[in-house]
Amino acid sequence: MTFIHPFASVVAGSLVLCALLSFAQTLAATDDGAEQDHVAVLELGATDEREISERTSHLGPAIGIEIEPIENWLEIELGAATYRSQRATNWEFELPFKKPFRLSSTIELMPGLGPTWAHTTQPGEEPSTWGAEAVIDLFFWRSKRLGWYLEPSYGVTFGNGKKKSAALTGGLFFAVP
């Protein structure tokens, strides 16, 4: 069994986030403003999840796509993350419904709630379980098509012992025209 200290997960996640932010600043240097005229937003990043019930931490890649079917009222995100834990592969999918608040032309705050679905290959555990998640998405637009985000979240699963977890996801996002 491999154990990664929670501090090491946070440090690794911070390094990945810093590298992504540096890359974003380079790409955004040629475009001014953050007018939101797009069909969808693609998110690429990393997530650091802390399972409160089991006192374990997991770091892994995350991807998501967001659409805004009702402008300034509703955003829907479909997100996925994966990590390895105790010689098992774990997949997590989320579908939060969020209310966008534009704090400025470059900063967006989106609190939301939604269902989650998790799948594990861990022996002795239920392979698939449903849950719920609360998120607060922070978008920082660097240009019309690029920015970075932070998404703290809290989730509960309805199976496998009703596990509780807190996570921080962050990375880059790209607007799809």
Protein backbone atom coordinates (compact mmCIF):
# COMPACT_ATOMS: atom_id res chain seq x y z
CA MET A 1 0.00 0.00 0.00
CA THR A 2 1.37 3.39 -1.01
CA PHE A 3 0.71 6.36 1.26
CA ILE A 4 1.21 9.93 0.08
CA HIS A 5 1.33 12.48 2.84
CA PRO A 6 -1.45 15.11 2.45
CA PHE A 7 1.14 17.90 2.44
CA ALA A 8 2.92 16.28 -0.51
CA SER A 9 -0.38 16.20 -2.43
CA VAL A 10 -0.97 19.89 -1.77
CA VAL A 11 2.59 20.79 -2.83
CA ALA A 12 2.33 18.73 -6.03
CA GLY A 13 -1.07 20.25 -6.85
CA SER A 14 0.28 23.76 -6.23
CA LEU A 15 3.25 23.17 -8.54
CA VAL A 16 0.97 21.93 -11.33
CA LEU A 17 -1.33 24.92 -10.84
CA CYS A 18 1.61 27.38 -10.93
CA ALA A 19 2.91 25.84 -14.15
CA LEU A 20 -0.55 26.05 -15.74
CA LEU A 21 -0.96 29.68 -14.63
CA SER A 22 2.42 30.65 -16.11
CA PHE A 23 1.40 29.03 -19.38
CA ALA A 24 -1.95 30.88 -19.29
CA GLN A 25 -0.28 34.27 -18.77
CA THR A 26 1.92 33.67 -21.81
CA LEU A 27 -1.07 32.79 -24.00
CA ALA A 28 -3.22 35.65 -22.70
CA ALA A 29 -0.61 38.37 -23.26
CA THR A 30 -1.99 39.20 -26.72
CA ASP A 31 -5.71 39.43 -25.88
CA ASP A 32 -7.34 42.13 -23.72
CA GLY A 33 -10.63 41.99 -21.80
CA ALA A 34 -12.88 39.08 -20.94
CA GLU A 35 -16.13 39.37 -22.86
CA GLN A 36 -18.02 36.12 -22.35
CA ASP A 37 -19.29 35.34 -25.88
CA HIS A 38 -18.81 31.59 -26.10
CA VAL A 39 -20.78 28.37 -26.40
CA ALA A 40 -18.91 26.35 -23.78
CA VAL A 41 -15.87 26.41 -21.54
CA LEU A 42 -13.37 23.53 -21.44
CA GLU A 43 -11.56 23.06 -18.09
CA LEU A 44 -8.23 21.20 -17.75
CA GLY A 45 -6.56 20.87 -14.37
CA ALA A 46 -5.80 18.82 -11.31
CA THR A 47 -7.76 17.94 -8.21
CA ASP A 48 -6.60 17.24 -4.67
CA GLU A 49 -9.27 15.38 -2.72
CA ARG A 50 -9.26 14.68 0.99
CA GLU A 51 -11.55 11.86 2.11
CA ILE A 52 -12.59 13.09 5.54
CA SER A 53 -14.10 9.74 6.60
CA GLU A 54 -10.94 7.74 5.82
CA ARG A 55 -8.30 10.47 6.36
CA THR A 56 -6.71 9.87 2.96
CA SER A 57 -5.73 12.30 0.19
CA HIS A 58 -5.69 11.78 -3.57
CA LEU A 59 -4.21 13.86 -6.38
CA GLY A 60 -5.18 13.39 -10.00
CA PRO A 61 -6.10 15.00 -13.31
CA ALA A 62 -9.47 16.67 -13.84
CA ILE A 63 -11.40 17.75 -16.92
CA GLY A 64 -14.73 19.47 -17.35
CA ILE A 65 -16.99 21.24 -19.79
CA GLU A 66 -19.39 24.03 -18.86
CA ILE A 67 -22.36 25.43 -20.71
CA GLU A 68 -24.61 28.37 -19.81
CA PRO A 69 -28.12 27.50 -21.10
CA ILE A 70 -29.70 30.51 -19.34
CA GLU A 71 -27.39 33.53 -19.52
CA ASN A 72 -26.49 35.02 -16.12
CA TRP A 73 -28.78 32.50 -14.41
CA LEU A 74 -27.69 28.87 -14.90
CA GLU A 75 -24.41 27.12 -15.69
CA ILE A 76 -24.14 23.34 -15.99
CA GLU A 77 -20.80 21.58 -15.67
CA LEU A 78 -19.94 18.00 -16.53
CA GLY A 79 -16.66 17.15 -14.80
CA ALA A 80 -14.51 14.05 -14.40
CA ALA A 81 -11.46 13.18 -12.31
CA THR A 82 -9.43 10.04 -11.72
CA TYR A 83 -6.82 8.85 -9.23
CA ARG A 84 -5.15 5.68 -7.99
CA SER A 85 -5.58 4.58 -4.40
CA GLN A 86 -4.72 1.34 -2.60
CA ARG A 87 -3.95 -0.44 -5.91
CA ALA A 88 -7.36 0.58 -7.29
CA THR A 89 -8.41 3.03 -9.97
CA ASN A 90 -11.13 5.51 -9.04
CA TRP A 91 -13.24 7.63 -11.38
CA GLU A 92 -15.50 10.45 -10.24
CA PHE A 93 -18.07 12.31 -12.34
CA GLU A 94 -19.97 15.42 -11.28
CA LEU A 95 -22.88 17.41 -12.69
CA PRO A 96 -23.28 20.60 -10.63
CA PHE A 97 -25.87 23.22 -11.52
CA LYS A 98 -24.45 26.67 -10.73
CA LYS A 99 -25.67 30.25 -10.49
CA PRO A 100 -23.11 32.66 -12.05
CA PHE A 101 -22.29 35.99 -10.45
CA ARG A 102 -20.04 38.32 -12.44
CA LEU A 103 -18.07 40.23 -9.83
CA SER A 104 -16.15 42.19 -12.48
CA SER A 105 -15.35 41.90 -16.18
CA THR A 106 -12.65 39.33 -15.34
CA ILE A 107 -13.92 37.52 -12.20
CA GLU A 108 -16.85 35.13 -11.97
CA LEU A 109 -18.20 33.34 -8.86
CA MET A 110 -20.50 30.33 -9.31
CA PRO A 111 -21.91 28.45 -6.29
CA GLY A 112 -23.70 25.23 -7.13
CA LEU A 113 -25.06 21.81 -6.18
CA GLY A 114 -25.37 18.59 -8.09
CA PRO A 115 -25.18 14.82 -8.25
CA THR A 116 -21.96 12.80 -8.43
CA TRP A 117 -21.21 9.27 -9.54
CA ALA A 118 -18.08 7.37 -8.51
CA HIS A 119 -16.63 4.09 -9.78
CA THR A 120 -13.84 2.12 -8.11
CA THR A 121 -11.96 -1.11 -8.76
CA GLN A 122 -11.24 -1.43 -5.02
CA PRO A 123 -11.91 -5.04 -3.88
CA GLY A 124 -14.60 -5.31 -1.22
CA GLU A 125 -16.23 -1.98 -2.10
CA GLU A 126 -19.36 -1.31 -4.07
CA PRO A 127 -18.03 -0.57 -7.59
CA SER A 128 -20.45 2.29 -8.35
CA THR A 129 -22.07 4.76 -6.00
CA TRP A 130 -24.05 7.99 -6.24
CA GLY A 131 -23.57 11.09 -4.17
CA ALA A 132 -24.06 14.85 -3.95
CA GLU A 133 -21.64 17.75 -4.11
CA ALA A 134 -21.59 21.46 -3.28
CA VAL A 135 -19.10 23.61 -5.23
CA ILE A 136 -17.95 27.21 -5.45
CA ASP A 137 -16.33 27.91 -8.80
CA LEU A 138 -14.04 30.92 -9.18
CA PHE A 139 -13.16 31.93 -12.75
CA PHE A 140 -10.41 34.43 -13.47
CA TRP A 141 -10.58 35.50 -17.12
CA ARG A 142 -7.19 36.51 -18.59
CA SER A 143 -8.59 37.13 -22.08
CA LYS A 144 -11.76 36.51 -24.11
CA ARG A 145 -10.90 32.84 -24.51
CA LEU A 146 -8.57 31.90 -21.65
CA GLY A 147 -8.28 31.97 -17.89
CA TRP A 148 -7.73 29.93 -14.77
CA TYR A 149 -10.07 28.57 -12.15
CA LEU A 150 -10.28 27.30 -8.58
CA GLU A 151 -13.11 25.07 -7.42
CA PRO A 152 -13.37 24.08 -3.76
CA SER A 153 -16.03 21.41 -3.15
CA TYR A 154 -17.59 19.21 -0.49
CA GLY A 155 -19.18 15.87 -1.32
CA VAL A 156 -21.01 12.96 0.26
CA THR A 157 -21.53 9.50 -1.25
CA PHE A 158 -24.72 7.54 -0.58
CA GLY A 159 -22.97 4.14 -0.69
CA ASN A 160 -19.68 2.64 0.55
CA GLY A 161 -20.13 3.97 4.08
CA LYS A 162 -21.42 7.44 3.14
CA LYS A 163 -17.94 8.86 2.66
CA LYS A 164 -17.42 12.60 3.01
CA SER A 165 -14.75 14.48 1.10
CA ALA A 166 -13.41 17.97 0.51
CA ALA A 167 -11.51 18.83 -2.66
CA LEU A 168 -9.75 21.68 -4.41
CA THR A 169 -9.64 21.58 -8.18
CA GLY A 170 -7.74 24.13 -10.24
CA GLY A 171 -6.32 24.69 -13.67
CA LEU A 172 -6.87 26.43 -16.98
CA PHE A 173 -10.06 26.96 -18.94
CA PHE A 174 -10.56 27.70 -22.60
CA ALA A 175 -13.70 29.29 -24.07
CA VAL A 176 -15.10 27.46 -27.09
CA PRO A 177 -16.54 30.03 -29.55
